[in-house]
Amino acid sequence: MNTQEAVERASKEKLMEDMKIVVADAEDLLRATANQTGERIVAARTKAEESLRAARMRLAEAQASVVEKVKVAAKTTDNYVHDNPWQAMGIAAVVGLVLGALISRR
């Protein structure tokens, strides 16, 4: 996985978290206005419920897509490590040294 893919995945995960918060807030708002009456309130609640339902579906689809991509990345990494064990150990050692150096500076 390159840096661009990592940034995109992090952005998608952040977007999904934000969407979950928006959905939860909308659900709270709908519960809070459950006792309100009037034609405009009922119409607004109906529209909000439909939008919320659609947002939940899109969120579930996005989450399934991210999970599938993570599974593919994990499988690709697993195959690479099995096919190139010495290179994988070398890469892991270099990453460990870099992280150790960065941590020791602080």
C-alpha atoms as a PDB file:
ATOM      1  CA  MET A   1       0.000   0.000   0.000  1.00  0.00           C
ATOM      2  CA  ASN A   2       1.414   3.347  -0.951  1.00  0.00           C
ATOM      3  CA  THR A   3       1.061   6.637   0.908  1.00  0.00           C
ATOM      4  CA  GLN A   4      -1.784   7.853  -1.317  1.00  0.00           C
ATOM      5  CA  GLU A   5      -3.849   4.732  -0.613  1.00  0.00           C
ATOM      6  CA  ALA A   6      -3.184   5.053   3.124  1.00  0.00           C
ATOM      7  CA  VAL A   7      -4.340   8.684   3.089  1.00  0.00           C
ATOM      8  CA  GLU A   8      -7.460   7.783   1.100  1.00  0.00           C
ATOM      9  CA  ARG A   9      -8.302   4.939   3.487  1.00  0.00           C
ATOM     10  CA  ALA A  10      -7.817   7.194   6.518  1.00  0.00           C
ATOM     11  CA  SER A  11     -10.034   9.829   4.885  1.00  0.00           C
ATOM     12  CA  LYS A  12     -12.745   7.267   4.177  1.00  0.00           C
ATOM     13  CA  GLU A  13     -12.583   5.970   7.742  1.00  0.00           C
ATOM     14  CA  LYS A  14     -12.856   9.527   9.076  1.00  0.00           C
ATOM     15  CA  LEU A  15     -15.795  10.185   6.759  1.00  0.00           C
ATOM     16  CA  MET A  16     -17.534   7.025   7.977  1.00  0.00           C
ATOM     17  CA  GLU A  17     -17.009   8.070  11.604  1.00  0.00           C
ATOM     18  CA  ASP A  18     -18.394  11.527  10.821  1.00  0.00           C
ATOM     19  CA  MET A  19     -21.397   9.978   9.067  1.00  0.00           C
ATOM     20  CA  LYS A  20     -22.066   7.775  12.100  1.00  0.00           C
ATOM     21  CA  ILE A  21     -22.094  10.872  14.299  1.00  0.00           C
ATOM     22  CA  VAL A  22     -24.463  12.693  11.916  1.00  0.00           C
ATOM     23  CA  VAL A  23     -26.793   9.685  11.825  1.00  0.00           C
ATOM     24  CA  ALA A  24     -26.796   9.439  15.630  1.00  0.00           C
ATOM     25  CA  ASP A  25     -27.493  13.177  15.949  1.00  0.00           C
ATOM     26  CA  ALA A  26     -30.345  12.953  13.424  1.00  0.00           C
ATOM     27  CA  GLU A  27     -31.839  10.024  15.328  1.00  0.00           C
ATOM     28  CA  ASP A  28     -31.644  12.036  18.568  1.00  0.00           C
ATOM     29  CA  LEU A  29     -33.305  15.005  16.848  1.00  0.00           C
ATOM     30  CA  LEU A  30     -36.118  12.820  15.522  1.00  0.00           C
ATOM     31  CA  ARG A  31     -36.703  11.354  18.983  1.00  0.00           C
ATOM     32  CA  ALA A  32     -36.685  14.832  20.549  1.00  0.00           C
ATOM     33  CA  THR A  33     -39.328  16.112  18.121  1.00  0.00           C
ATOM     34  CA  ALA A  34     -41.509  12.991  18.276  1.00  0.00           C
ATOM     35  CA  ASN A  35     -44.215  14.792  20.276  1.00  0.00           C
ATOM     36  CA  GLN A  36     -44.292  17.862  18.026  1.00  0.00           C
ATOM     37  CA  THR A  37     -47.314  18.240  15.768  1.00  0.00           C
ATOM     38  CA  GLY A  38     -48.213  20.264  12.741  1.00  0.00           C
ATOM     39  CA  GLU A  39     -48.146  19.647   9.025  1.00  0.00           C
ATOM     40  CA  ARG A  40     -44.695  21.195   8.472  1.00  0.00           C
ATOM     41  CA  ILE A  41     -43.145  19.257  11.376  1.00  0.00           C
ATOM     42  CA  VAL A  42     -44.616  15.973  10.135  1.00  0.00           C
ATOM     43  CA  ALA A  43     -43.349  16.637   6.606  1.00  0.00           C
ATOM     44  CA  ALA A  44     -39.886  17.565   7.890  1.00  0.00           C
ATOM     45  CA  ARG A  45     -39.745  14.459  10.083  1.00  0.00           C
ATOM     46  CA  THR A  46     -40.792  12.248   7.166  1.00  0.00           C
ATOM     47  CA  LYS A  47     -38.146  13.750   4.913  1.00  0.00           C
ATOM     48  CA  ALA A  48     -35.501  13.455   7.655  1.00  0.00           C
ATOM     49  CA  GLU A  49     -36.407   9.812   8.265  1.00  0.00           C
ATOM     50  CA  GLU A  50     -36.071   9.032   4.548  1.00  0.00           C
ATOM     51  CA  SER A  51     -32.711  10.819   4.370  1.00  0.00           C
ATOM     52  CA  LEU A  52     -31.546   9.022   7.486  1.00  0.00           C
ATOM     53  CA  ARG A  53     -32.545   5.649   6.039  1.00  0.00           C
ATOM     54  CA  ALA A  54     -30.632   6.416   2.830  1.00  0.00           C
ATOM     55  CA  ALA A  55     -27.590   7.616   4.798  1.00  0.00           C
ATOM     56  CA  ARG A  56     -27.567   4.401   6.835  1.00  0.00           C
ATOM     57  CA  MET A  57     -27.612   2.347   3.635  1.00  0.00           C
ATOM     58  CA  ARG A  58     -24.757   4.362   2.076  1.00  0.00           C
ATOM     59  CA  LEU A  59     -22.773   4.102   5.305  1.00  0.00           C
ATOM     60  CA  ALA A  60     -23.224   0.332   5.411  1.00  0.00           C
ATOM     61  CA  GLU A  61     -22.135   0.065   1.760  1.00  0.00           C
ATOM     62  CA  ALA A  62     -19.072   2.256   2.368  1.00  0.00           C
ATOM     63  CA  GLN A  63     -18.136   0.263   5.438  1.00  0.00           C
ATOM     64  CA  ALA A  64     -18.460  -3.021   3.534  1.00  0.00           C
ATOM     65  CA  SER A  65     -16.273  -1.597   0.773  1.00  0.00           C
ATOM     66  CA  VAL A  66     -13.557  -0.550   3.213  1.00  0.00           C
ATOM     67  CA  VAL A  67     -13.668  -3.931   4.949  1.00  0.00           C
ATOM     68  CA  GLU A  68     -13.289  -5.696   1.611  1.00  0.00           C
ATOM     69  CA  LYS A  69     -10.332  -3.500   0.622  1.00  0.00           C
ATOM     70  CA  VAL A  70      -8.652  -4.155   3.975  1.00  0.00           C
ATOM     71  CA  LYS A  71      -9.128  -7.893   3.494  1.00  0.00           C
ATOM     72  CA  VAL A  72      -7.558  -7.698   0.022  1.00  0.00           C
ATOM     73  CA  ALA A  73      -4.629  -5.650   1.376  1.00  0.00           C
ATOM     74  CA  ALA A  74      -4.117  -8.120   4.227  1.00  0.00           C
ATOM     75  CA  LYS A  75      -4.199 -11.062   1.829  1.00  0.00           C
ATOM     76  CA  THR A  76      -1.733  -9.338  -0.522  1.00  0.00           C
ATOM     77  CA  THR A  77       0.595  -8.605   2.394  1.00  0.00           C
ATOM     78  CA  ASP A  78       0.313 -12.181   3.637  1.00  0.00           C
ATOM     79  CA  ASN A  79       1.162 -13.522   0.174  1.00  0.00           C
ATOM     80  CA  TYR A  80       4.132 -11.162  -0.129  1.00  0.00           C
ATOM     81  CA  VAL A  81       5.504 -12.198   3.264  1.00  0.00           C
ATOM     82  CA  HIS A  82       5.133 -15.883   2.399  1.00  0.00           C
ATOM     83  CA  ASP A  83       6.764 -15.397  -1.009  1.00  0.00           C
ATOM     84  CA  ASN A  84       9.561 -13.103   0.244  1.00  0.00           C
ATOM     85  CA  PRO A  85      10.224 -13.866   3.939  1.00  0.00           C
ATOM     86  CA  TRP A  86      13.755 -12.407   4.050  1.00  0.00           C
ATOM     87  CA  GLN A  87      12.739  -9.178   2.358  1.00  0.00           C
ATOM     88  CA  ALA A  88       9.766  -8.864   4.702  1.00  0.00           C
ATOM     89  CA  MET A  89      12.056  -9.347   7.725  1.00  0.00           C
ATOM     90  CA  GLY A  90      14.437  -6.714   6.344  1.00  0.00           C
ATOM     91  CA  ILE A  91      11.622  -4.225   5.802  1.00  0.00           C
ATOM     92  CA  ALA A  92      10.276  -4.887   9.298  1.00  0.00           C
ATOM     93  CA  ALA A  93      13.761  -4.371  10.784  1.00  0.00           C
ATOM     94  CA  VAL A  94      14.236  -1.054   8.968  1.00  0.00           C
ATOM     95  CA  VAL A  95      10.791   0.169  10.012  1.00  0.00           C
ATOM     96  CA  GLY A  96      11.558  -0.863  13.601  1.00  0.00           C
ATOM     97  CA  LEU A  97      14.865   1.023  13.541  1.00  0.00           C
ATOM     98  CA  VAL A  98      13.256   4.163  12.126  1.00  0.00           C
ATOM     99  CA  LEU A  99      10.449   4.083  14.672  1.00  0.00           C
ATOM    100  CA  GLY A 100      12.942   3.440  17.480  1.00  0.00           C
ATOM    101  CA  ALA A 101      15.038   6.395  16.367  1.00  0.00           C
ATOM    102  CA  LEU A 102      11.988   8.645  16.182  1.00  0.00           C
ATOM    103  CA  ILE A 103      10.747   7.592  19.605  1.00  0.00           C
ATOM    104  CA  SER A 104      14.160   7.976  21.224  1.00  0.00           C
ATOM    105  CA  ARG A 105      14.401  11.582  19.994  1.00  0.00           C
ATOM    106  CA  ARG A 106      11.395  12.605  22.031  1.00  0.00           C
END
